[in-house]
């Protein structure tokens, strides 16, 4: 679409240089969904914990604990299993906190955007942008989506 003329693009998106109507924007929002990146499915907390045991070295330590237990050395077995469990808890806590931090950053990253709706400037959440919206950009604004620049002034 970046190679099309502005007129062709406006016709293709069924919009106007003065923006969409509120009703049309609502219809497009229902059709196309929110302007946000799709996330992968969240890993359940229990699986996040279980995944701490999949590392090769952890599996070797568990095998060593089992062999130590079979040979009758319960002290070594308990120590090795305690280390493995402590490692799993620390890894789980770190991954869980990192996941929560990423969620918080994503929520903080949502910006407001100036658009033309009903031929009037309106500030909306960037997540509610739809194809055909006319975005008003000023110096210092974050570009909220893939857009085609209609005009500019220096």
N, C-alpha and C. Protein backbone atom coordinates (compact mmCIF):
# COMPACT_ATOMS: atom_id res chain seq x y z
N UNK A 1 0.80 -1.19 0.00
CA UNK A 1 0.00 0.00 0.00
C UNK A 1 0.85 1.26 0.00
N UNK A 2 2.10 1.15 0.40
CA UNK A 2 2.94 2.34 0.49
C UNK A 2 3.24 2.92 -0.89
N UNK A 3 3.03 2.15 -1.95
CA UNK A 3 3.29 2.63 -3.29
C UNK A 3 2.05 3.24 -3.95
N UNK A 4 0.90 3.09 -3.33
CA UNK A 4 -0.33 3.62 -3.91
C UNK A 4 -0.40 5.13 -3.70
N UNK A 5 -1.14 5.77 -4.57
CA UNK A 5 -1.37 7.21 -4.40
C UNK A 5 -2.29 7.41 -3.20
N UNK A 6 -2.28 8.63 -2.67
CA UNK A 6 -3.13 8.94 -1.53
C UNK A 6 -4.60 8.70 -1.87
N UNK A 7 -5.02 9.14 -3.07
CA UNK A 7 -6.42 8.95 -3.49
C UNK A 7 -6.79 7.48 -3.54
N UNK A 8 -5.91 6.65 -4.09
CA UNK A 8 -6.17 5.21 -4.18
C UNK A 8 -6.25 4.61 -2.78
N UNK A 9 -5.36 5.03 -1.92
CA UNK A 9 -5.35 4.53 -0.54
C UNK A 9 -6.63 4.91 0.19
N UNK A 10 -7.06 6.15 0.03
CA UNK A 10 -8.29 6.60 0.67
C UNK A 10 -9.49 5.80 0.17
N UNK A 11 -9.52 5.54 -1.12
CA UNK A 11 -10.62 4.73 -1.69
C UNK A 11 -10.55 3.29 -1.19
N UNK A 12 -9.34 2.74 -1.16
CA UNK A 12 -9.16 1.35 -0.72
C UNK A 12 -9.60 1.17 0.73
N UNK A 13 -9.28 2.13 1.59
CA UNK A 13 -9.64 2.04 3.00
C UNK A 13 -11.03 2.60 3.29
N UNK A 14 -11.70 3.08 2.25
CA UNK A 14 -13.04 3.63 2.39
C UNK A 14 -13.09 4.68 3.50
N UNK A 15 -12.22 5.67 3.38
CA UNK A 15 -12.12 6.74 4.36
C UNK A 15 -12.08 8.07 3.64
N UNK A 16 -11.88 9.15 4.39
CA UNK A 16 -11.76 10.49 3.82
C UNK A 16 -10.60 11.20 4.51
N UNK A 17 -10.07 12.25 3.92
CA UNK A 17 -9.00 13.00 4.59
C UNK A 17 -9.45 13.63 5.91
N UNK A 18 -10.76 13.74 6.12
CA UNK A 18 -11.26 14.29 7.39
C UNK A 18 -11.60 13.18 8.39
N UNK A 19 -11.20 11.95 8.11
CA UNK A 19 -11.34 10.85 9.06
C UNK A 19 -12.63 10.06 8.92
N UNK A 20 -12.79 9.13 9.83
CA UNK A 20 -13.97 8.26 9.86
C UNK A 20 -15.04 8.87 10.75
N UNK A 21 -16.24 8.36 10.61
CA UNK A 21 -17.28 8.71 11.58
C UNK A 21 -17.11 7.80 12.79
N UNK A 22 -17.65 8.19 13.90
CA UNK A 22 -17.57 7.36 15.12
C UNK A 22 -18.23 6.01 14.89
N UNK A 23 -19.34 6.00 14.15
CA UNK A 23 -20.06 4.76 13.89
C UNK A 23 -19.20 3.81 13.04
N UNK A 24 -18.57 4.35 11.99
CA UNK A 24 -17.74 3.53 11.13
C UNK A 24 -16.52 3.00 11.90
N UNK A 25 -15.94 3.83 12.76
CA UNK A 25 -14.80 3.40 13.56
C UNK A 25 -15.20 2.25 14.49
N UNK A 26 -16.38 2.32 15.06
CA UNK A 26 -16.88 1.26 15.95
C UNK A 26 -17.08 -0.04 15.16
N UNK A 27 -17.63 0.07 13.96
CA UNK A 27 -17.83 -1.11 13.11
C UNK A 27 -16.48 -1.75 12.78
N UNK A 28 -15.50 -0.93 12.43
CA UNK A 28 -14.17 -1.46 12.09
C UNK A 28 -13.46 -2.03 13.31
N UNK A 29 -13.67 -1.43 14.46
CA UNK A 29 -13.06 -1.98 15.68
C UNK A 29 -13.61 -3.37 15.97
N UNK A 30 -14.91 -3.55 15.78
CA UNK A 30 -15.51 -4.88 15.97
C UNK A 30 -15.02 -5.87 14.93
N UNK A 31 -14.79 -5.38 13.71
CA UNK A 31 -14.35 -6.26 12.62
C UNK A 31 -12.89 -6.65 12.76
N UNK A 32 -12.01 -5.67 13.03
CA UNK A 32 -10.56 -5.91 13.02
C UNK A 32 -9.96 -6.14 14.41
N UNK A 33 -10.66 -5.74 15.45
CA UNK A 33 -10.14 -5.90 16.80
C UNK A 33 -9.24 -4.75 17.21
N UNK A 34 -8.68 -4.88 18.39
CA UNK A 34 -7.83 -3.83 18.95
C UNK A 34 -6.49 -3.73 18.24
N UNK A 35 -5.92 -2.55 18.24
CA UNK A 35 -4.61 -2.27 17.65
C UNK A 35 -3.54 -2.62 18.68
N UNK A 36 -3.28 -3.90 18.82
CA UNK A 36 -2.26 -4.34 19.76
C UNK A 36 -1.67 -5.65 19.27
N UNK A 37 -0.45 -5.91 19.73
CA UNK A 37 0.21 -7.14 19.34
C UNK A 37 -0.44 -8.33 20.03
N UNK A 38 -0.57 -9.41 19.29
CA UNK A 38 -1.10 -10.63 19.89
C UNK A 38 -0.05 -11.25 20.79
N UNK A 39 -0.47 -11.66 21.95
CA UNK A 39 0.45 -12.31 22.87
C UNK A 39 0.33 -13.82 22.73
N UNK A 40 1.43 -14.46 23.06
CA UNK A 40 1.31 -15.91 23.12
C UNK A 40 0.52 -16.27 24.37
N UNK A 41 -0.03 -17.44 24.37
CA UNK A 41 -0.83 -17.89 25.50
C UNK A 41 0.03 -17.91 26.76
N UNK A 42 -0.52 -17.40 27.85
CA UNK A 42 0.23 -17.37 29.11
C UNK A 42 0.51 -18.78 29.61
N UNK A 43 1.72 -18.96 30.10
CA UNK A 43 2.10 -20.24 30.67
C UNK A 43 1.49 -20.34 32.07
N UNK A 44 0.80 -21.43 32.37
CA UNK A 44 0.26 -21.58 33.73
C UNK A 44 1.37 -21.58 34.76
N UNK A 45 1.06 -21.10 35.96
CA UNK A 45 2.07 -20.97 37.02
C UNK A 45 2.69 -22.32 37.35
N UNK A 46 1.87 -23.36 37.43
CA UNK A 46 2.40 -24.67 37.79
C UNK A 46 3.39 -25.17 36.74
N UNK A 47 3.10 -24.88 35.45
CA UNK A 47 3.99 -25.31 34.38
C UNK A 47 5.29 -24.51 34.40
N UNK A 48 5.19 -23.24 34.79
CA UNK A 48 6.38 -22.40 34.93
C UNK A 48 7.32 -23.01 35.97
N UNK A 49 6.74 -23.55 37.04
CA UNK A 49 7.56 -24.20 38.08
C UNK A 49 8.15 -25.52 37.58
N UNK A 50 7.34 -26.32 36.92
CA UNK A 50 7.80 -27.63 36.42
C UNK A 50 8.92 -27.45 35.39
N UNK A 51 8.83 -26.37 34.59
CA UNK A 51 9.85 -26.14 33.56
C UNK A 51 11.22 -25.85 34.15
N UNK A 52 11.29 -25.54 35.43
CA UNK A 52 12.58 -25.29 36.06
C UNK A 52 13.42 -26.57 36.15
N UNK A 53 12.77 -27.71 36.00
CA UNK A 53 13.47 -28.99 36.13
C UNK A 53 13.90 -29.59 34.78
N UNK A 54 13.72 -28.86 33.70
CA UNK A 54 14.03 -29.43 32.38
C UNK A 54 15.48 -29.22 31.96
N UNK A 55 16.24 -28.43 32.68
CA UNK A 55 17.64 -28.18 32.33
C UNK A 55 18.45 -29.47 32.46
N UNK A 56 19.40 -29.66 31.57
CA UNK A 56 20.21 -30.88 31.55
C UNK A 56 20.96 -31.09 32.87
N UNK A 57 21.54 -30.03 33.40
CA UNK A 57 22.31 -30.17 34.66
C UNK A 57 21.40 -30.53 35.83
N UNK A 58 20.19 -30.00 35.83
CA UNK A 58 19.24 -30.34 36.89
C UNK A 58 18.86 -31.81 36.80
N UNK A 59 18.65 -32.28 35.57
CA UNK A 59 18.32 -33.71 35.40
C UNK A 59 19.47 -34.60 35.88
N UNK A 60 20.71 -34.18 35.63
CA UNK A 60 21.87 -34.95 36.11
C UNK A 60 21.90 -34.95 37.64
N UNK A 61 21.62 -33.80 38.25
CA UNK A 61 21.59 -33.74 39.72
C UNK A 61 20.50 -34.64 40.29
N UNK A 62 19.32 -34.66 39.65
CA UNK A 62 18.24 -35.55 40.11
C UNK A 62 18.65 -37.00 39.97
N UNK A 63 19.31 -37.34 38.86
CA UNK A 63 19.81 -38.70 38.67
C UNK A 63 20.85 -39.05 39.74
N UNK A 64 21.73 -38.08 40.05
CA UNK A 64 22.73 -38.31 41.09
C UNK A 64 22.07 -38.53 42.45
N UNK A 65 20.99 -37.79 42.72
CA UNK A 65 20.27 -37.95 43.99
C UNK A 65 19.63 -39.33 44.06
N UNK A 66 19.05 -39.77 42.94
CA UNK A 66 18.43 -41.10 42.90
C UNK A 66 19.48 -42.18 43.12
N UNK A 67 20.61 -42.07 42.42
CA UNK A 67 21.68 -43.07 42.59
C UNK A 67 22.22 -43.06 44.01
N UNK A 68 22.35 -41.86 44.57
CA UNK A 68 22.84 -41.74 45.95
C UNK A 68 21.86 -42.39 46.92
N UNK A 69 20.56 -42.20 46.66
CA UNK A 69 19.55 -42.82 47.52
C UNK A 69 19.55 -44.33 47.39
N UNK A 70 19.75 -44.83 46.16
CA UNK A 70 19.79 -46.28 45.94
C UNK A 70 20.98 -46.90 46.66
N UNK A 71 22.10 -46.14 46.68
CA UNK A 71 23.31 -46.65 47.33
C UNK A 71 23.26 -46.48 48.85
N UNK A 72 22.18 -45.87 49.36
CA UNK A 72 21.99 -45.78 50.80
C UNK A 72 22.54 -44.52 51.44
N UNK A 73 23.00 -43.56 50.67
CA UNK A 73 23.54 -42.31 51.22
C UNK A 73 22.43 -41.25 51.26
N UNK A 74 21.62 -41.32 52.30
CA UNK A 74 20.46 -40.44 52.42
C UNK A 74 20.85 -38.97 52.61
N UNK A 75 21.95 -38.72 53.26
CA UNK A 75 22.38 -37.34 53.50
C UNK A 75 22.66 -36.64 52.17
N UNK A 76 23.45 -37.29 51.31
CA UNK A 76 23.75 -36.71 49.99
C UNK A 76 22.47 -36.54 49.16
N UNK A 77 21.58 -37.52 49.24
CA UNK A 77 20.32 -37.45 48.50
C UNK A 77 19.52 -36.22 48.92
N UNK A 78 19.40 -36.02 50.22
CA UNK A 78 18.62 -34.88 50.74
C UNK A 78 19.28 -33.56 50.35
N UNK A 79 20.60 -33.49 50.44
CA UNK A 79 21.32 -32.25 50.10
C UNK A 79 21.15 -31.93 48.61
N UNK A 80 21.32 -32.93 47.76
CA UNK A 80 21.19 -32.70 46.31
C UNK A 80 19.77 -32.28 45.96
N UNK A 81 18.77 -32.97 46.52
CA UNK A 81 17.38 -32.63 46.23
C UNK A 81 17.02 -31.24 46.76
N UNK A 82 17.58 -30.88 47.91
CA UNK A 82 17.34 -29.53 48.46
C UNK A 82 17.92 -28.47 47.53
N UNK A 83 19.11 -28.72 47.01
CA UNK A 83 19.73 -27.76 46.07
C UNK A 83 18.89 -27.65 44.80
N UNK A 84 18.44 -28.79 44.28
CA UNK A 84 17.61 -28.78 43.07
C UNK A 84 16.31 -28.02 43.33
N UNK A 85 15.67 -28.27 44.46
CA UNK A 85 14.42 -27.59 44.79
C UNK A 85 14.65 -26.09 44.99
N UNK A 86 15.72 -25.70 45.68
CA UNK A 86 16.03 -24.30 45.88
C UNK A 86 16.29 -23.60 44.55
N UNK A 87 17.01 -24.27 43.67
CA UNK A 87 17.27 -23.73 42.33
C UNK A 87 15.96 -23.53 41.57
N UNK A 88 15.06 -24.49 41.67
CA UNK A 88 13.77 -24.39 40.98
C UNK A 88 12.95 -23.23 41.53
N UNK A 89 12.95 -23.05 42.83
CA UNK A 89 12.19 -21.96 43.45
C UNK A 89 12.75 -20.61 43.02
N UNK A 90 14.06 -20.46 43.05
CA UNK A 90 14.68 -19.19 42.64
C UNK A 90 14.39 -18.91 41.17
N UNK A 91 14.53 -19.90 40.31
CA UNK A 91 14.25 -19.73 38.88
C UNK A 91 12.80 -19.38 38.63
N UNK A 92 11.91 -20.06 39.34
CA UNK A 92 10.48 -19.79 39.20
C UNK A 92 10.14 -18.36 39.61
N UNK A 93 10.65 -17.91 40.74
CA UNK A 93 10.37 -16.56 41.23
C UNK A 93 10.88 -15.52 40.23
N UNK A 94 12.08 -15.74 39.71
CA UNK A 94 12.64 -14.79 38.73
C UNK A 94 11.79 -14.73 37.46
N UNK A 95 11.38 -15.87 36.93
CA UNK A 95 10.57 -15.88 35.71
C UNK A 95 9.19 -15.29 35.96
N UNK A 96 8.60 -15.58 37.11
CA UNK A 96 7.28 -15.06 37.44
C UNK A 96 7.32 -13.54 37.56
N UNK A 97 8.33 -13.03 38.25
CA UNK A 97 8.48 -11.57 38.38
C UNK A 97 8.73 -10.92 37.02
N UNK A 98 9.54 -11.54 36.19
CA UNK A 98 9.82 -11.00 34.86
C UNK A 98 8.54 -10.94 34.03
N UNK A 99 7.71 -11.96 34.13
CA UNK A 99 6.45 -11.99 33.39
C UNK A 99 5.52 -10.87 33.86
N UNK A 100 5.44 -10.68 35.17
CA UNK A 100 4.60 -9.62 35.73
C UNK A 100 5.13 -8.24 35.34
N UNK A 101 6.45 -8.08 35.31
CA UNK A 101 7.05 -6.81 34.90
C UNK A 101 6.73 -6.51 33.45
N UNK A 102 6.80 -7.52 32.59
CA UNK A 102 6.47 -7.33 31.18
C UNK A 102 5.01 -6.93 31.00
N UNK A 103 4.11 -7.52 31.77
CA UNK A 103 2.70 -7.14 31.71
C UNK A 103 2.51 -5.69 32.12
N UNK A 104 3.20 -5.27 33.18
CA UNK A 104 3.09 -3.89 33.66
C UNK A 104 3.65 -2.92 32.63
N UNK A 105 4.77 -3.27 32.00
CA UNK A 105 5.34 -2.41 30.97
C UNK A 105 4.42 -2.29 29.77
N UNK A 106 3.76 -3.37 29.42
CA UNK A 106 2.84 -3.34 28.28
C UNK A 106 1.68 -2.39 28.58
N UNK A 107 1.17 -2.43 29.81
CA UNK A 107 0.07 -1.54 30.18
C UNK A 107 0.52 -0.09 30.19
N UNK A 108 1.76 0.15 30.61
CA UNK A 108 2.29 1.52 30.65
C UNK A 108 2.55 2.06 29.25
N UNK A 109 2.76 1.17 28.30
CA UNK A 109 3.15 1.56 26.95
C UNK A 109 1.96 2.04 26.10
N UNK A 110 0.75 1.85 26.58
CA UNK A 110 -0.42 2.28 25.83
C UNK A 110 -0.45 3.81 25.82
N UNK A 111 -0.51 4.37 24.62
CA UNK A 111 -0.49 5.82 24.48
C UNK A 111 -1.83 6.33 23.99
N UNK A 112 -2.01 7.62 24.13
CA UNK A 112 -3.17 8.27 23.55
C UNK A 112 -2.78 8.83 22.20
N UNK A 113 -3.73 8.90 21.30
CA UNK A 113 -3.48 9.31 19.93
C UNK A 113 -4.51 10.34 19.50
N UNK A 114 -4.05 11.33 18.75
CA UNK A 114 -4.96 12.31 18.17
C UNK A 114 -5.41 11.80 16.80
N UNK A 115 -6.72 11.70 16.62
CA UNK A 115 -7.28 11.28 15.33
C UNK A 115 -8.38 12.25 14.92
N UNK A 116 -8.76 12.13 13.67
CA UNK A 116 -9.94 12.86 13.19
C UNK A 116 -11.10 11.89 13.18
N UNK A 117 -12.13 12.19 13.92
CA UNK A 117 -13.37 11.42 13.90
C UNK A 117 -14.50 12.42 13.74
N UNK A 118 -15.38 12.14 12.85
CA UNK A 118 -16.47 13.07 12.53
C UNK A 118 -15.91 14.43 12.14
N UNK A 119 -14.76 14.42 11.46
CA UNK A 119 -14.07 15.63 11.00
C UNK A 119 -13.60 16.53 12.13
N UNK A 120 -13.52 15.98 13.35
CA UNK A 120 -13.08 16.75 14.52
C UNK A 120 -11.91 16.03 15.18
N UNK A 121 -10.91 16.79 15.69
CA UNK A 121 -9.82 16.15 16.41
C UNK A 121 -10.35 15.49 17.70
N UNK A 122 -9.84 14.30 17.97
CA UNK A 122 -10.29 13.55 19.14
C UNK A 122 -9.10 12.77 19.68
N UNK A 123 -8.95 12.72 20.99
CA UNK A 123 -7.89 11.93 21.61
C UNK A 123 -8.48 10.59 22.03
N UNK A 124 -7.88 9.51 21.50
CA UNK A 124 -8.33 8.15 21.82
C UNK A 124 -7.13 7.31 22.25
N UNK A 125 -7.40 6.16 22.83
CA UNK A 125 -6.34 5.20 23.14
C UNK A 125 -5.82 4.62 21.83
N UNK A 126 -4.52 4.46 21.73
CA UNK A 126 -3.95 3.92 20.49
C UNK A 126 -4.43 2.50 20.21
N UNK A 127 -4.93 1.82 21.23
CA UNK A 127 -5.43 0.45 21.01
C UNK A 127 -6.74 0.45 20.24
N UNK A 128 -7.43 1.59 20.17
CA UNK A 128 -8.71 1.63 19.46
C UNK A 128 -8.60 2.22 18.07
N UNK A 129 -7.37 2.38 17.57
CA UNK A 129 -7.18 2.81 16.18
C UNK A 129 -7.67 1.71 15.24
N UNK A 130 -8.22 2.12 14.11
CA UNK A 130 -8.70 1.15 13.13
C UNK A 130 -8.19 1.54 11.74
N UNK A 131 -8.17 0.60 10.80
CA UNK A 131 -7.77 0.94 9.43
C UNK A 131 -8.67 2.04 8.88
N UNK A 132 -8.06 3.07 8.33
CA UNK A 132 -8.82 4.19 7.78
C UNK A 132 -8.83 5.41 8.68
N UNK A 133 -8.38 5.26 9.94
CA UNK A 133 -8.29 6.41 10.83
C UNK A 133 -7.26 7.39 10.29
N UNK A 134 -7.53 8.67 10.44
CA UNK A 134 -6.57 9.70 10.10
C UNK A 134 -5.95 10.16 11.41
N UNK A 135 -4.66 9.89 11.55
CA UNK A 135 -3.92 10.19 12.78
C UNK A 135 -3.23 11.54 12.62
N UNK A 136 -3.38 12.37 13.63
CA UNK A 136 -2.71 13.67 13.63
C UNK A 136 -1.43 13.54 14.44
N UNK A 137 -0.31 13.86 13.81
CA UNK A 137 0.98 13.70 14.46
C UNK A 137 1.66 15.06 14.58
N UNK A 138 2.20 15.31 15.76
CA UNK A 138 2.97 16.53 16.02
C UNK A 138 4.36 16.12 16.47
N UNK A 139 5.28 17.07 16.49
CA UNK A 139 6.64 16.80 16.95
C UNK A 139 6.60 16.21 18.35
N UNK A 140 7.32 15.13 18.54
CA UNK A 140 7.40 14.49 19.85
C UNK A 140 6.39 13.39 20.08
N UNK A 141 5.40 13.25 19.18
CA UNK A 141 4.41 12.18 19.33
C UNK A 141 5.02 10.83 18.99
N UNK A 142 4.51 9.81 19.64
CA UNK A 142 4.86 8.43 19.31
C UNK A 142 3.92 7.99 18.20
N UNK A 143 4.44 7.39 17.15
CA UNK A 143 3.60 6.89 16.06
C UNK A 143 2.91 5.63 16.58
N UNK A 144 1.57 5.64 16.66
CA UNK A 144 0.84 4.59 17.35
C UNK A 144 0.57 3.32 16.56
N UNK A 145 0.86 3.34 15.26
CA UNK A 145 0.55 2.17 14.42
C UNK A 145 1.25 2.34 13.08
N UNK A 146 1.11 1.34 12.23
CA UNK A 146 1.61 1.51 10.85
C UNK A 146 0.70 2.52 10.17
N UNK A 147 1.28 3.60 9.70
CA UNK A 147 0.46 4.63 9.07
C UNK A 147 1.07 5.05 7.74
N UNK A 148 0.28 5.71 6.95
CA UNK A 148 0.76 6.31 5.70
C UNK A 148 0.67 7.81 5.89
N UNK A 149 1.77 8.50 5.69
CA UNK A 149 1.83 9.93 5.88
C UNK A 149 1.13 10.61 4.71
N UNK A 150 0.07 11.38 4.99
CA UNK A 150 -0.68 12.06 3.94
C UNK A 150 0.01 13.36 3.55
N UNK A 151 0.43 14.14 4.51
CA UNK A 151 1.12 15.40 4.20
C UNK A 151 1.93 15.80 5.42
N UNK A 152 2.84 16.72 5.20
CA UNK A 152 3.66 17.22 6.29
C UNK A 152 4.08 18.64 6.00
N UNK A 153 4.48 19.32 7.05
CA UNK A 153 5.05 20.67 6.86
C UNK A 153 6.30 20.77 7.69
N UNK A 154 7.24 21.58 7.22
CA UNK A 154 8.51 21.71 7.92
C UNK A 154 8.57 23.02 8.65
